[in-house]
Amino acid sequence: MATFEVTRSFGASVDNTKIKFSKLYLRQIWEGPNTNQTGPLVSGDPALQFGLSGVNSWGIYDDLGSEAKLVAKAQGWHTAIHPNWYSWFSMTFFEGERFKGSTLQVMGASRSANDGEFAIIGGTGDFAMARGILTKRLVVDVAGSKIFELTVDGFCHMNIPVPAPTKMGPWGAKDAPLREMEGKSQRLESVTIYFNSVVSAIQFSYIGEDGRICNSGPWGTTGCTNSPCTIETIKFCPNEFVKQITGTVGDPDYLSHLKIVTNIKTYGPFGPQDGKSPFSFTVPEGKTVVGFFAQCDDYIRKIGVYTI
């Protein structure tokens, strides 16, 4: 059965929405009552395979079986110029389907009439400004027809609404005035932590709903008075996401240390690890941390995260 995956690339613009479609089946029929392509429109030499051309309206289905559902058509032109077959077509999705009315523009050359790769050079609707690769592989070859398995792997401009963030936490001991992120975040860009004997302040930057970098904080005290203050800034890579945060509440009920674990590395601990009450939070599968909130006065009392 066909699969349609659309993955938002957090931290990038909507131009980098990833699309991956697999197990689509194109039926090419040139003989019989259900033919979906013409014969040669331009006279050529069959022996040399030069100039043999036709117009196609190939059906694309979500499965191989007789109950398969038509999801799109590949409508365009194909021609032979030895040793390659060239194709230009618009892959149009049907009304009532998930991507109704949207198209992918495909073109390319294949040395084999059976297997090959084609470039996706554009698209419309949900697939505006698409680019990527369409791969075909012959799976059925019977008299007068062939069936190819198609895979689409690419990127496009897709306006996926940023979901409302969910609060998780906070963790700590004593209540204090609440500090919160404004607006919607789609990706955490950086975190700056101020610390000495406690975590005295935190600030962070994130990609907002409009794709611009926004800043929150600093929350707490950035100018340490009792001892020298250390400032550490974490700049996350585009493919890096927070998997876990751990910390300890010290005495008198301040956040005494903080550690941030991503899929790439561990940052910290920031502040002394001694304390009376440790905590640990692991981000649920399928979620990503996009910001923080805190309860703080002169120093951080409690800390929590926003996830989407």
Protein backbone atom coordinates (compact mmCIF):
# COMPACT_ATOMS: atom_id res chain seq x y z
CA MET A 1 0.00 0.00 0.00
CA ALA A 2 1.24 3.48 -0.86
CA THR A 3 2.73 5.67 1.87
CA PHE A 4 2.79 9.45 1.82
CA GLU A 5 5.22 11.08 4.28
CA VAL A 6 5.46 14.85 4.76
CA THR A 7 8.07 15.98 7.26
CA ARG A 8 8.46 19.58 8.40
CA SER A 9 12.13 20.56 8.56
CA PHE A 10 12.15 22.51 11.82
CA GLY A 11 14.62 25.34 11.87
CA ALA A 12 14.41 25.90 8.14
CA SER A 13 11.89 27.71 6.02
CA VAL A 14 8.84 25.95 4.62
CA ASP A 15 10.84 25.55 1.40
CA ASN A 16 12.46 22.57 3.12
CA THR A 17 9.35 20.53 3.82
CA LYS A 18 10.41 16.98 2.97
CA ILE A 19 8.16 14.69 0.93
CA LYS A 20 8.71 10.95 0.52
CA PHE A 21 6.12 8.83 -1.27
CA SER A 22 6.67 5.11 -1.74
CA LYS A 23 4.86 2.09 -3.15
CA LEU A 24 3.05 3.99 -5.87
CA TYR A 25 2.40 1.91 -8.99
CA LEU A 26 2.37 3.34 -12.51
CA ARG A 27 0.53 1.29 -15.12
CA GLN A 28 1.73 1.68 -18.71
CA ILE A 29 -0.66 0.08 -21.24
CA TRP A 30 -0.02 0.27 -24.98
CA GLU A 31 -2.28 -2.53 -26.24
CA GLY A 32 -5.91 -3.47 -25.69
CA PRO A 33 -9.07 -1.52 -24.82
CA ASN A 34 -7.56 0.29 -21.82
CA THR A 35 -4.50 1.75 -23.52
CA ASN A 36 -3.20 4.90 -21.82
CA GLN A 37 -0.61 6.07 -24.33
CA THR A 38 -0.48 6.69 -28.06
CA GLY A 39 1.65 4.96 -30.61
CA PRO A 40 4.47 6.80 -32.41
CA LEU A 41 3.42 10.37 -33.27
CA VAL A 42 6.68 11.15 -35.02
CA SER A 43 7.91 8.61 -37.51
CA GLY A 44 11.23 7.16 -36.45
CA ASP A 45 13.50 4.26 -37.09
CA PRO A 46 12.56 1.41 -34.71
CA ALA A 47 15.94 -0.20 -35.22
CA LEU A 48 17.81 2.92 -34.14
CA GLN A 49 15.16 3.97 -31.61
CA PHE A 50 15.38 7.55 -32.84
CA GLY A 51 12.33 9.77 -32.83
CA LEU A 52 9.78 7.23 -31.61
CA SER A 53 7.43 9.37 -29.54
CA GLY A 54 4.08 9.22 -27.84
CA VAL A 55 1.69 11.01 -25.52
CA ASN A 56 0.94 9.33 -22.20
CA SER A 57 -1.76 9.47 -19.52
CA TRP A 58 -0.41 6.71 -17.28
CA GLY A 59 -2.46 5.84 -14.21
CA ILE A 60 -0.75 5.81 -10.80
CA TYR A 61 -2.28 3.55 -8.13
CA ASP A 62 -1.78 3.00 -4.41
CA ASP A 63 -1.31 -0.79 -4.72
CA LEU A 64 -0.68 -3.61 -7.18
CA GLY A 65 -3.94 -5.50 -6.69
CA SER A 66 -7.25 -5.28 -8.50
CA GLU A 67 -8.71 -3.19 -5.65
CA ALA A 68 -5.98 -0.56 -6.00
CA LYS A 69 -7.13 3.05 -5.96
CA LEU A 70 -6.20 5.55 -8.67
CA VAL A 71 -4.42 8.44 -6.92
CA ALA A 72 -2.75 10.33 -9.78
CA LYS A 73 -1.97 10.38 -13.49
CA ALA A 74 1.34 10.98 -15.28
CA GLN A 75 0.33 13.02 -18.32
CA GLY A 76 2.89 14.19 -20.84
CA TRP A 77 5.29 13.05 -23.54
CA HIS A 78 7.95 10.36 -24.00
CA THR A 79 10.40 9.88 -26.84
CA ALA A 80 13.38 7.71 -27.79
CA ILE A 81 16.74 9.19 -28.75
CA HIS A 82 19.22 6.35 -28.69
CA PRO A 83 20.40 5.17 -26.22
CA ASN A 84 17.94 6.93 -23.89
CA TRP A 85 14.22 7.26 -23.36
CA TYR A 86 13.22 10.83 -22.44
CA SER A 87 10.08 11.66 -20.47
CA TRP A 88 8.33 14.92 -19.61
CA PHE A 89 5.11 14.71 -17.64
CA SER A 90 2.97 16.28 -14.95
CA MET A 91 2.06 13.95 -12.10
CA THR A 92 -1.40 15.24 -11.18
CA PHE A 93 -3.16 14.12 -7.99
CA PHE A 94 -6.90 13.67 -8.12
CA GLU A 95 -9.78 15.54 -6.55
CA GLY A 96 -10.76 13.84 -3.32
CA GLU A 97 -7.22 12.61 -2.56
CA ARG A 98 -4.95 13.97 0.16
CA PHE A 99 -3.12 16.28 -2.26
CA LYS A 100 -6.05 16.97 -4.58
CA GLY A 101 -5.25 19.13 -7.57
CA SER A 102 -1.52 19.36 -6.75
CA THR A 103 1.11 18.44 -9.32
CA LEU A 104 4.75 17.37 -9.57
CA GLN A 105 6.63 18.27 -12.75
CA VAL A 106 8.94 15.43 -13.84
CA MET A 107 11.51 15.11 -16.59
CA GLY A 108 14.61 13.08 -17.37
CA ALA A 109 16.38 10.42 -19.37
CA SER A 110 16.72 6.71 -18.76
CA ARG A 111 18.98 4.27 -20.61
CA SER A 112 16.55 1.51 -19.70
CA ALA A 113 12.87 1.46 -20.54
CA ASN A 114 12.34 -0.43 -17.29
CA ASP A 115 14.29 1.22 -14.43
CA GLY A 116 15.60 4.73 -13.92
CA GLU A 117 15.60 8.07 -12.15
CA PHE A 118 13.97 11.34 -13.18
CA ALA A 119 14.30 14.86 -11.84
CA ILE A 120 11.41 16.61 -10.11
CA ILE A 121 11.82 20.18 -11.33
CA GLY A 122 8.73 21.90 -9.96
CA GLY A 123 5.24 21.55 -8.63
CA THR A 124 2.00 23.32 -7.84
CA GLY A 125 -0.52 23.36 -5.02
CA ASP A 126 0.77 21.49 -1.98
CA PHE A 127 4.01 20.80 -3.88
CA ALA A 128 4.84 24.36 -4.94
CA MET A 129 8.48 24.77 -6.00
CA ALA A 130 9.19 21.04 -5.55
CA ARG A 131 12.58 19.55 -6.37
CA GLY A 132 13.87 16.03 -5.94
CA ILE A 133 14.06 12.59 -7.52
CA LEU A 134 11.41 10.19 -8.85
CA THR A 135 12.66 6.61 -9.11
CA LYS A 136 10.93 3.90 -11.16
CA ARG A 137 11.43 0.13 -10.97
CA LEU A 138 9.76 -2.49 -13.18
CA VAL A 139 7.72 -4.97 -11.11
CA VAL A 140 5.28 -6.48 -13.67
CA ASP A 141 5.88 -7.12 -17.38
CA VAL A 142 3.07 -8.81 -19.32
CA ALA A 143 1.93 -8.65 -22.93
CA GLY A 144 0.95 -5.10 -23.86
CA SER A 145 1.58 -3.52 -20.44
CA LYS A 146 4.05 -2.89 -17.64
CA ILE A 147 3.74 -1.81 -14.01
CA PHE A 148 6.43 0.27 -12.33
CA GLU A 149 6.92 0.94 -8.63
CA LEU A 150 7.54 4.65 -8.04
CA THR A 151 9.33 6.42 -5.18
CA VAL A 152 9.26 10.20 -4.74
CA ASP A 153 12.00 11.74 -2.59
CA GLY A 154 12.26 15.51 -2.47
CA PHE A 155 11.50 18.88 -0.91
CA CYS A 156 8.88 21.52 -1.55
CA HIS A 157 7.33 24.74 -0.27
CA MET A 158 4.44 23.67 1.93
CA ASN A 159 2.57 25.89 4.36
CA ILE A 160 2.19 23.60 7.36
CA PRO A 161 0.77 25.50 10.36
CA VAL A 162 3.07 25.52 13.37
CA PRO A 163 1.21 23.63 16.13
CA ALA A 164 0.56 25.23 19.49
CA PRO A 165 3.40 24.34 21.89
CA THR A 166 2.71 22.12 24.89
CA LYS A 167 4.13 22.92 28.33
CA MET A 168 5.99 20.16 30.14
CA GLY A 169 7.15 20.77 33.71
CA PRO A 170 8.26 22.87 35.47
CA TRP A 171 10.78 21.12 37.67
CA GLY A 172 12.17 22.70 40.81
CA ALA A 173 11.07 23.42 44.38
CA LYS A 174 9.76 26.92 45.09
CA ASP A 175 7.20 29.00 43.16
CA ALA A 176 8.24 32.37 41.78
CA PRO A 177 7.01 34.79 39.08
CA LEU A 178 6.38 33.01 35.77
CA ARG A 179 8.41 33.87 32.64
CA GLU A 180 7.06 32.56 29.31
CA MET A 181 7.93 32.51 25.62
CA GLU A 182 5.82 34.71 23.36
CA GLY A 183 4.20 33.36 20.19
CA LYS A 184 4.81 29.98 18.56
CA SER A 185 8.23 28.43 18.11
CA GLN A 186 9.02 25.87 15.44
CA ARG A 187 12.65 25.24 16.42
CA LEU A 188 15.05 25.97 19.28
CA GLU A 189 18.09 27.82 17.92
CA SER A 190 20.30 28.54 20.95
CA VAL A 191 20.37 28.62 24.75
CA THR A 192 22.52 30.86 26.98
CA ILE A 193 22.98 29.87 30.62
CA TYR A 194 24.39 32.12 33.38
CA PHE A 195 25.67 30.23 36.41
CA ASN A 196 28.04 30.15 39.39
CA SER A 197 26.94 28.43 42.60
CA VAL A 198 23.43 28.30 41.07
CA VAL A 199 21.84 28.72 37.66
CA SER A 200 21.23 32.43 37.90
CA ALA A 201 19.64 33.17 34.49
CA ILE A 202 18.64 31.66 31.15
CA GLN A 203 17.82 33.06 27.74
CA PHE A 204 17.21 31.44 24.37
CA SER A 205 16.47 32.11 20.71
CA TYR A 206 14.05 30.27 18.46
CA ILE A 207 12.55 30.25 14.96
CA GLY A 208 9.10 31.81 15.19
CA GLU A 209 5.99 30.97 13.23
CA ASP A 210 6.95 33.47 10.52
CA GLY A 211 10.43 31.94 10.09
CA ARG A 212 12.26 34.78 11.88
CA ILE A 213 14.62 34.40 14.84
CA CYS A 214 13.04 35.51 18.13
CA ASN A 215 14.58 35.93 21.59
CA SER A 216 13.29 35.24 25.09
CA GLY A 217 14.96 36.37 28.31
CA PRO A 218 17.29 36.69 29.98
CA TRP A 219 15.24 35.57 32.97
CA GLY A 220 16.97 35.86 36.34
CA THR A 221 20.18 37.67 37.27
CA THR A 222 22.90 38.01 34.62
CA GLY A 223 25.31 39.95 36.80
CA CYS A 224 26.57 37.57 39.50
CA THR A 225 27.71 39.32 42.69
CA ASN A 226 28.75 36.59 45.14
CA SER A 227 31.19 34.85 42.82
CA PRO A 228 32.38 35.14 39.21
CA CYS A 229 29.59 34.33 36.75
CA THR A 230 30.17 31.90 33.87
CA ILE A 231 28.20 32.34 30.67
CA GLU A 232 27.76 29.45 28.23
CA THR A 233 25.90 29.60 24.91
CA ILE A 234 24.73 26.47 23.08
CA LYS A 235 24.14 26.88 19.35
CA PHE A 236 22.18 23.93 18.01
CA CYS A 237 22.89 22.41 14.58
CA PRO A 238 20.00 22.35 12.05
CA ASN A 239 19.52 18.60 12.56
CA GLU A 240 20.01 18.69 16.34
CA PHE A 241 17.18 18.38 18.85
CA VAL A 242 16.93 18.16 22.64
CA LYS A 243 16.24 14.66 23.97
CA GLN A 244 16.61 15.20 27.73
CA ILE A 245 17.20 17.80 30.44
CA THR A 246 18.38 17.01 33.95
CA GLY A 247 19.07 19.20 36.94
CA THR A 248 19.30 19.55 40.68
CA VAL A 249 17.57 21.86 43.14
CA GLY A 250 20.01 23.18 45.74
CA ASP A 251 19.63 25.09 48.95
CA PRO A 252 17.81 27.45 49.33
CA ASP A 253 15.51 26.08 46.59
CA TYR A 254 17.37 27.45 43.57
CA LEU A 255 18.22 25.51 40.42
CA SER A 256 21.79 24.57 41.25
CA HIS A 257 22.77 22.79 38.04
CA LEU A 258 21.38 22.03 34.57
CA LYS A 259 22.37 19.58 31.83
CA ILE A 260 20.98 19.45 28.27
CA VAL A 261 21.26 16.26 26.20
CA THR A 262 20.65 16.26 22.42
CA ASN A 263 20.79 13.60 19.73
CA ILE A 264 24.36 14.76 19.02
CA LYS A 265 26.02 15.58 22.37
CA THR A 266 25.61 16.44 26.05
CA TYR A 267 25.97 20.07 27.21
CA GLY A 268 26.89 20.80 30.80
CA PRO A 269 26.43 20.34 33.62
CA PHE A 270 26.13 24.06 34.26
CA GLY A 271 26.53 24.81 37.97
CA PRO A 272 27.53 22.50 40.84
CA GLN A 273 25.95 19.06 40.78
CA ASP A 274 25.40 18.86 44.51
CA GLY A 275 21.84 19.46 45.66
CA LYS A 276 18.97 18.00 47.57
CA SER A 277 16.50 17.21 44.80
CA PRO A 278 17.52 15.94 41.33
CA PHE A 279 15.12 15.80 38.38
CA SER A 280 15.24 14.34 34.88
CA PHE A 281 12.93 14.78 31.88
CA THR A 282 13.10 12.76 28.65
CA VAL A 283 11.32 14.23 25.64
CA PRO A 284 8.51 11.92 24.42
CA GLU A 285 8.98 10.12 21.11
CA GLY A 286 7.84 12.23 18.18
CA LYS A 287 8.17 15.51 20.13
CA THR A 288 10.85 18.18 19.99
CA VAL A 289 11.76 20.95 22.47
CA VAL A 290 11.17 24.39 20.95
CA GLY A 291 11.58 26.67 23.99
CA PHE A 292 11.65 27.11 27.76
CA PHE A 293 9.61 28.73 30.49
CA ALA A 294 10.75 29.42 34.04
CA GLN A 295 9.78 30.60 37.48
CA CYS A 296 12.41 32.97 38.80
CA ASP A 297 13.10 35.97 41.01
CA ASP A 298 16.76 36.84 41.47
CA TYR A 299 17.73 33.31 40.34
CA ILE A 300 15.98 30.41 38.57
CA ARG A 301 13.59 28.55 40.91
CA LYS A 302 11.87 26.23 38.41
CA ILE A 303 12.32 25.42 34.73
CA GLY A 304 10.10 23.77 32.12
CA VAL A 305 10.03 23.22 28.34
CA TYR A 306 7.69 23.79 25.40
CA THR A 307 7.36 20.90 22.95
CA ILE A 308 5.59 20.38 19.65
